[in-house]
Amino acid sequence: MSDAIDFYPEYTGTGLLVLLKPSAQLVEKLSKDEIKTYNYVQAEFQKQYALQWLKPIGFNNTYALMMRKKQAQELNITTISGLKKYIDENP
């Protein structure tokens, strides 16, 4: 027994944003396509750390937001980007 880690599940988004830390422009480009994101993370981890990413297992940690309908109507918020804009303008 070597006490080495043989297998560790990780989100591609965490590998990309936290560990690889690419430019904002590259994140914008990759974040629109999960396959491109996976391929980039796989290639960079192999190159930088000699680690191989296995095929995705299909688990997704997508978040959901909700808001009371009355409040959303009062604030004219119909999308998450609309909520972000409201929060940015009303800190």
C-alpha atoms as a PDB file:
ATOM      1  CA  MET A   1       0.000   0.000   0.000  1.00  0.00           C
ATOM      2  CA  SER A   2       1.460   3.333  -1.064  1.00  0.00           C
ATOM      3  CA  ASP A   3      -1.190   5.720   0.303  1.00  0.00           C
ATOM      4  CA  ALA A   4      -1.412   7.255  -3.183  1.00  0.00           C
ATOM      5  CA  ILE A   5      -4.720   8.407  -4.604  1.00  0.00           C
ATOM      6  CA  ASP A   6      -5.745   6.236  -7.541  1.00  0.00           C
ATOM      7  CA  PHE A   7      -9.062   7.877  -8.356  1.00  0.00           C
ATOM      8  CA  TYR A   8     -10.645  11.207  -7.468  1.00  0.00           C
ATOM      9  CA  PRO A   9     -13.962  12.514  -8.848  1.00  0.00           C
ATOM     10  CA  GLU A  10     -13.904  16.199  -9.759  1.00  0.00           C
ATOM     11  CA  TYR A  11     -16.064  18.618 -11.712  1.00  0.00           C
ATOM     12  CA  THR A  12     -14.565  19.838 -14.981  1.00  0.00           C
ATOM     13  CA  GLY A  13     -15.614  23.355 -13.987  1.00  0.00           C
ATOM     14  CA  THR A  14     -13.560  23.135 -10.796  1.00  0.00           C
ATOM     15  CA  GLY A  15     -10.605  21.734 -12.709  1.00  0.00           C
ATOM     16  CA  LEU A  16     -10.913  24.552 -15.211  1.00  0.00           C
ATOM     17  CA  LEU A  17     -11.589  27.542 -12.967  1.00  0.00           C
ATOM     18  CA  VAL A  18      -9.852  26.666  -9.694  1.00  0.00           C
ATOM     19  CA  LEU A  19      -6.895  24.593 -10.773  1.00  0.00           C
ATOM     20  CA  LEU A  20      -6.065  25.661 -14.319  1.00  0.00           C
ATOM     21  CA  LYS A  21      -7.166  29.305 -13.960  1.00  0.00           C
ATOM     22  CA  PRO A  22      -7.363  30.230 -17.666  1.00  0.00           C
ATOM     23  CA  SER A  23      -8.037  33.738 -18.948  1.00  0.00           C
ATOM     24  CA  ALA A  24     -11.561  35.140 -18.820  1.00  0.00           C
ATOM     25  CA  GLN A  25     -11.672  35.050 -22.618  1.00  0.00           C
ATOM     26  CA  LEU A  26     -10.881  31.327 -22.685  1.00  0.00           C
ATOM     27  CA  VAL A  27     -13.436  30.610 -19.956  1.00  0.00           C
ATOM     28  CA  GLU A  28     -16.063  32.482 -21.980  1.00  0.00           C
ATOM     29  CA  LYS A  29     -15.198  30.467 -25.072  1.00  0.00           C
ATOM     30  CA  LEU A  30     -15.120  27.078 -23.318  1.00  0.00           C
ATOM     31  CA  SER A  31     -18.116  27.526 -21.030  1.00  0.00           C
ATOM     32  CA  LYS A  32     -20.511  27.437 -23.984  1.00  0.00           C
ATOM     33  CA  ASP A  33     -19.601  23.833 -24.849  1.00  0.00           C
ATOM     34  CA  GLU A  34     -19.228  21.059 -22.279  1.00  0.00           C
ATOM     35  CA  ILE A  35     -17.265  18.852 -24.695  1.00  0.00           C
ATOM     36  CA  LYS A  36     -14.735  21.589 -25.454  1.00  0.00           C
ATOM     37  CA  THR A  37     -14.451  22.267 -21.725  1.00  0.00           C
ATOM     38  CA  TYR A  38     -13.800  18.589 -20.962  1.00  0.00           C
ATOM     39  CA  ASN A  39     -11.291  18.251 -23.826  1.00  0.00           C
ATOM     40  CA  TYR A  40      -9.388  21.348 -22.691  1.00  0.00           C
ATOM     41  CA  VAL A  41      -9.303  20.246 -19.043  1.00  0.00           C
ATOM     42  CA  GLN A  42      -8.249  16.713 -20.024  1.00  0.00           C
ATOM     43  CA  ALA A  43      -5.422  17.966 -22.261  1.00  0.00           C
ATOM     44  CA  GLU A  44      -4.148  20.583 -19.786  1.00  0.00           C
ATOM     45  CA  PHE A  45      -4.183  18.193 -16.822  1.00  0.00           C
ATOM     46  CA  GLN A  46      -2.239  15.666 -18.888  1.00  0.00           C
ATOM     47  CA  LYS A  47       0.259  18.322 -19.974  1.00  0.00           C
ATOM     48  CA  GLN A  48       0.661  20.158 -16.650  1.00  0.00           C
ATOM     49  CA  TYR A  49       0.183  17.393 -14.082  1.00  0.00           C
ATOM     50  CA  ALA A  50       0.495  14.095 -16.013  1.00  0.00           C
ATOM     51  CA  LEU A  51      -3.030  13.254 -14.822  1.00  0.00           C
ATOM     52  CA  GLN A  52      -5.712  11.680 -16.956  1.00  0.00           C
ATOM     53  CA  TRP A  53      -9.384  12.656 -16.718  1.00  0.00           C
ATOM     54  CA  LEU A  54     -11.778   9.775 -17.253  1.00  0.00           C
ATOM     55  CA  LYS A  55     -15.003  10.086 -19.227  1.00  0.00           C
ATOM     56  CA  PRO A  56     -17.672  12.144 -17.441  1.00  0.00           C
ATOM     57  CA  ILE A  57     -20.052  10.125 -15.291  1.00  0.00           C
ATOM     58  CA  GLY A  58     -23.055  12.257 -16.144  1.00  0.00           C
ATOM     59  CA  PHE A  59     -23.361  13.995 -12.795  1.00  0.00           C
ATOM     60  CA  ASN A  60     -24.102  17.693 -12.956  1.00  0.00           C
ATOM     61  CA  ASN A  61     -24.014  20.250 -10.163  1.00  0.00           C
ATOM     62  CA  THR A  62     -26.125  22.860 -11.929  1.00  0.00           C
ATOM     63  CA  TYR A  63     -27.712  25.265  -9.508  1.00  0.00           C
ATOM     64  CA  ALA A  64     -31.294  26.452  -9.485  1.00  0.00           C
ATOM     65  CA  LEU A  65     -32.593  29.775  -8.254  1.00  0.00           C
ATOM     66  CA  MET A  66     -36.093  30.762  -7.373  1.00  0.00           C
ATOM     67  CA  MET A  67     -37.904  33.925  -6.433  1.00  0.00           C
ATOM     68  CA  ARG A  68     -41.436  34.726  -5.369  1.00  0.00           C
ATOM     69  CA  LYS A  69     -43.541  35.481  -8.427  1.00  0.00           C
ATOM     70  CA  LYS A  70     -44.945  38.689  -6.928  1.00  0.00           C
ATOM     71  CA  GLN A  71     -41.461  40.031  -6.156  1.00  0.00           C
ATOM     72  CA  ALA A  72     -40.157  39.061  -9.610  1.00  0.00           C
ATOM     73  CA  GLN A  73     -43.073  40.877 -11.232  1.00  0.00           C
ATOM     74  CA  GLU A  74     -42.564  43.970  -9.054  1.00  0.00           C
ATOM     75  CA  LEU A  75     -38.880  44.084  -9.977  1.00  0.00           C
ATOM     76  CA  ASN A  76     -39.484  43.068 -13.622  1.00  0.00           C
ATOM     77  CA  ILE A  77     -37.112  40.118 -13.330  1.00  0.00           C
ATOM     78  CA  THR A  78     -37.780  37.261 -15.731  1.00  0.00           C
ATOM     79  CA  THR A  79     -34.303  35.695 -16.163  1.00  0.00           C
ATOM     80  CA  ILE A  80     -31.200  34.933 -14.098  1.00  0.00           C
ATOM     81  CA  SER A  81     -29.296  37.533 -16.112  1.00  0.00           C
ATOM     82  CA  GLY A  82     -32.048  40.025 -15.239  1.00  0.00           C
ATOM     83  CA  LEU A  83     -31.595  39.161 -11.568  1.00  0.00           C
ATOM     84  CA  LYS A  84     -27.827  39.654 -11.877  1.00  0.00           C
ATOM     85  CA  LYS A  85     -28.339  43.021 -13.531  1.00  0.00           C
ATOM     86  CA  TYR A  86     -30.733  44.048 -10.753  1.00  0.00           C
ATOM     87  CA  ILE A  87     -28.260  42.976  -8.054  1.00  0.00           C
ATOM     88  CA  ASP A  88     -25.373  44.755  -9.798  1.00  0.00           C
ATOM     89  CA  GLU A  89     -27.400  47.963 -10.012  1.00  0.00           C
ATOM     90  CA  ASN A  90     -28.801  47.713  -6.455  1.00  0.00           C
ATOM     91  CA  PRO A  91     -26.014  46.493  -4.165  1.00  0.00           C
END
